[in-house]
């Protein structure tokens, strides 16, 4: 018969594997979303740099605001993933103790 500690470790390992699988999928999705947004922004700024007369304060400000609004939620998602990764060892330790 298995000891309680062995069962707790097996459950924790299973929980960790499940968490890591979900985390990896979310990480891949946000990486893809960030790459897509970055390529779109780089393309817009590259086209602007090749076109003459496109550098007005209004157009540059509008593009900068649009980029900011697009990237801010992505940075928030990155921060959430980072904090989740930092908290995972703490959660795992509390499960083993509890």
C-alpha atoms as a PDB file:
ATOM      1  CA  UNK A   1       0.000   0.000   0.000  1.00  0.00           C
ATOM      2  CA  UNK A   2       1.231   3.478  -0.865  1.00  0.00           C
ATOM      3  CA  UNK A   3       2.139   5.972   1.792  1.00  0.00           C
ATOM      4  CA  UNK A   4       0.263   9.272   1.977  1.00  0.00           C
ATOM      5  CA  UNK A   5       3.402  11.212   1.005  1.00  0.00           C
ATOM      6  CA  UNK A   6       3.795   9.120  -2.161  1.00  0.00           C
ATOM      7  CA  UNK A   7       0.192   9.784  -3.153  1.00  0.00           C
ATOM      8  CA  UNK A   8       0.559  13.506  -2.441  1.00  0.00           C
ATOM      9  CA  UNK A   9       3.699  13.658  -4.608  1.00  0.00           C
ATOM     10  CA  UNK A  10       1.943  11.806  -7.445  1.00  0.00           C
ATOM     11  CA  UNK A  11      -1.015  14.177  -7.279  1.00  0.00           C
ATOM     12  CA  UNK A  12       1.270  17.195  -7.180  1.00  0.00           C
ATOM     13  CA  UNK A  13       3.282  15.897 -10.145  1.00  0.00           C
ATOM     14  CA  UNK A  14       0.066  15.333 -12.096  1.00  0.00           C
ATOM     15  CA  UNK A  15      -1.189  18.798 -11.162  1.00  0.00           C
ATOM     16  CA  UNK A  16       2.146  20.312 -12.182  1.00  0.00           C
ATOM     17  CA  UNK A  17       2.087  18.540 -15.538  1.00  0.00           C
ATOM     18  CA  UNK A  18      -1.467  19.708 -16.191  1.00  0.00           C
ATOM     19  CA  UNK A  19      -0.563  23.267 -15.197  1.00  0.00           C
ATOM     20  CA  UNK A  20       2.562  23.232 -17.380  1.00  0.00           C
ATOM     21  CA  UNK A  21       0.643  21.977 -20.410  1.00  0.00           C
ATOM     22  CA  UNK A  22      -1.884  24.788 -20.063  1.00  0.00           C
ATOM     23  CA  UNK A  23       0.833  27.334 -19.356  1.00  0.00           C
ATOM     24  CA  UNK A  24       2.791  26.268 -22.438  1.00  0.00           C
ATOM     25  CA  UNK A  25      -0.292  26.656 -24.635  1.00  0.00           C
ATOM     26  CA  UNK A  26      -0.985  30.145 -23.239  1.00  0.00           C
ATOM     27  CA  UNK A  27       2.689  31.062 -23.661  1.00  0.00           C
ATOM     28  CA  UNK A  28       2.647  29.948 -27.308  1.00  0.00           C
ATOM     29  CA  UNK A  29      -0.561  31.898 -27.977  1.00  0.00           C
ATOM     30  CA  UNK A  30       0.730  35.157 -26.487  1.00  0.00           C
ATOM     31  CA  UNK A  31       4.041  34.736 -28.322  1.00  0.00           C
ATOM     32  CA  UNK A  32       2.134  34.359 -31.576  1.00  0.00           C
ATOM     33  CA  UNK A  33      -0.103  37.354 -30.806  1.00  0.00           C
ATOM     34  CA  UNK A  34       2.909  39.515 -29.901  1.00  0.00           C
ATOM     35  CA  UNK A  35       4.781  38.523 -33.058  1.00  0.00           C
ATOM     36  CA  UNK A  36       1.739  39.293 -35.193  1.00  0.00           C
ATOM     37  CA  UNK A  37       1.270  42.716 -33.579  1.00  0.00           C
ATOM     38  CA  UNK A  38       4.980  43.513 -33.847  1.00  0.00           C
ATOM     39  CA  UNK A  39       5.110  42.622 -37.537  1.00  0.00           C
ATOM     40  CA  UNK A  40       2.051  44.761 -38.224  1.00  0.00           C
ATOM     41  CA  UNK A  41       3.554  47.727 -36.397  1.00  0.00           C
ATOM     42  CA  UNK A  42       6.971  47.306 -38.022  1.00  0.00           C
ATOM     43  CA  UNK A  43       5.335  47.131 -41.448  1.00  0.00           C
ATOM     44  CA  UNK A  44       3.334  50.305 -40.797  1.00  0.00           C
ATOM     45  CA  UNK A  45       6.405  52.241 -39.615  1.00  0.00           C
ATOM     46  CA  UNK A  46       8.558  50.888 -42.465  1.00  0.00           C
ATOM     47  CA  UNK A  47       5.978  51.950 -45.041  1.00  0.00           C
ATOM     48  CA  UNK A  48       5.823  55.387 -43.415  1.00  0.00           C
ATOM     49  CA  UNK A  49       9.611  55.740 -43.528  1.00  0.00           C
ATOM     50  CA  UNK A  50       9.643  54.926 -47.247  1.00  0.00           C
ATOM     51  CA  UNK A  51       6.845  57.350 -48.099  1.00  0.00           C
ATOM     52  CA  UNK A  52       7.636  61.038 -48.324  1.00  0.00           C
ATOM     53  CA  UNK A  53       5.402  63.518 -46.542  1.00  0.00           C
ATOM     54  CA  UNK A  54       3.836  60.965 -44.188  1.00  0.00           C
ATOM     55  CA  UNK A  55       5.661  62.256 -41.100  1.00  0.00           C
ATOM     56  CA  UNK A  56       3.204  64.720 -39.640  1.00  0.00           C
ATOM     57  CA  UNK A  57       2.655  65.123 -35.936  1.00  0.00           C
ATOM     58  CA  UNK A  58      -0.949  63.977 -36.338  1.00  0.00           C
ATOM     59  CA  UNK A  59      -0.180  60.759 -38.206  1.00  0.00           C
ATOM     60  CA  UNK A  60       2.784  59.808 -36.034  1.00  0.00           C
ATOM     61  CA  UNK A  61       0.829  60.508 -32.845  1.00  0.00           C
ATOM     62  CA  UNK A  62      -2.149  58.503 -34.095  1.00  0.00           C
ATOM     63  CA  UNK A  63       0.080  55.538 -34.961  1.00  0.00           C
ATOM     64  CA  UNK A  64       1.925  55.737 -31.651  1.00  0.00           C
ATOM     65  CA  UNK A  65      -1.382  55.743 -29.757  1.00  0.00           C
ATOM     66  CA  UNK A  66      -2.679  52.818 -31.825  1.00  0.00           C
ATOM     67  CA  UNK A  67       0.528  50.861 -31.127  1.00  0.00           C
ATOM     68  CA  UNK A  68       0.280  51.661 -27.428  1.00  0.00           C
ATOM     69  CA  UNK A  69      -3.346  50.500 -27.286  1.00  0.00           C
ATOM     70  CA  UNK A  70      -2.484  47.270 -29.080  1.00  0.00           C
ATOM     71  CA  UNK A  71       0.611  46.432 -27.057  1.00  0.00           C
ATOM     72  CA  UNK A  72      -0.667  47.344 -23.578  1.00  0.00           C
ATOM     73  CA  UNK A  73      -3.037  44.344 -23.279  1.00  0.00           C
ATOM     74  CA  UNK A  74      -0.285  42.068 -24.612  1.00  0.00           C
ATOM     75  CA  UNK A  75       2.136  43.333 -21.981  1.00  0.00           C
ATOM     76  CA  UNK A  76      -0.536  42.718 -19.361  1.00  0.00           C
ATOM     77  CA  UNK A  77      -0.901  39.129 -20.559  1.00  0.00           C
ATOM     78  CA  UNK A  78       2.905  38.674 -20.425  1.00  0.00           C
ATOM     79  CA  UNK A  79       2.911  40.028 -16.884  1.00  0.00           C
ATOM     80  CA  UNK A  80       0.117  37.619 -15.902  1.00  0.00           C
ATOM     81  CA  UNK A  81       2.086  34.669 -17.302  1.00  0.00           C
ATOM     82  CA  UNK A  82       5.243  35.766 -15.519  1.00  0.00           C
ATOM     83  CA  UNK A  83       3.436  36.149 -12.191  1.00  0.00           C
ATOM     84  CA  UNK A  84       1.746  32.781 -12.635  1.00  0.00           C
ATOM     85  CA  UNK A  85       5.127  31.135 -13.240  1.00  0.00           C
ATOM     86  CA  UNK A  86       6.518  32.774 -10.104  1.00  0.00           C
ATOM     87  CA  UNK A  87       3.566  31.622  -8.001  1.00  0.00           C
ATOM     88  CA  UNK A  88       3.509  28.027  -9.243  1.00  0.00           C
ATOM     89  CA  UNK A  89       6.366  26.768  -7.000  1.00  0.00           C
ATOM     90  CA  UNK A  90       4.673  28.390  -4.007  1.00  0.00           C
ATOM     91  CA  UNK A  91       1.352  26.746  -4.823  1.00  0.00           C
ATOM     92  CA  UNK A  92       3.047  23.384  -5.303  1.00  0.00           C
ATOM     93  CA  UNK A  93       4.783  23.672  -1.928  1.00  0.00           C
ATOM     94  CA  UNK A  94       1.558  24.586  -0.154  1.00  0.00           C
ATOM     95  CA  UNK A  95      -0.183  21.541  -1.693  1.00  0.00           C
ATOM     96  CA  UNK A  96       2.566  19.232  -0.459  1.00  0.00           C
ATOM     97  CA  UNK A  97       2.389  20.696   3.050  1.00  0.00           C
ATOM     98  CA  UNK A  98      -1.413  20.729   3.226  1.00  0.00           C
END
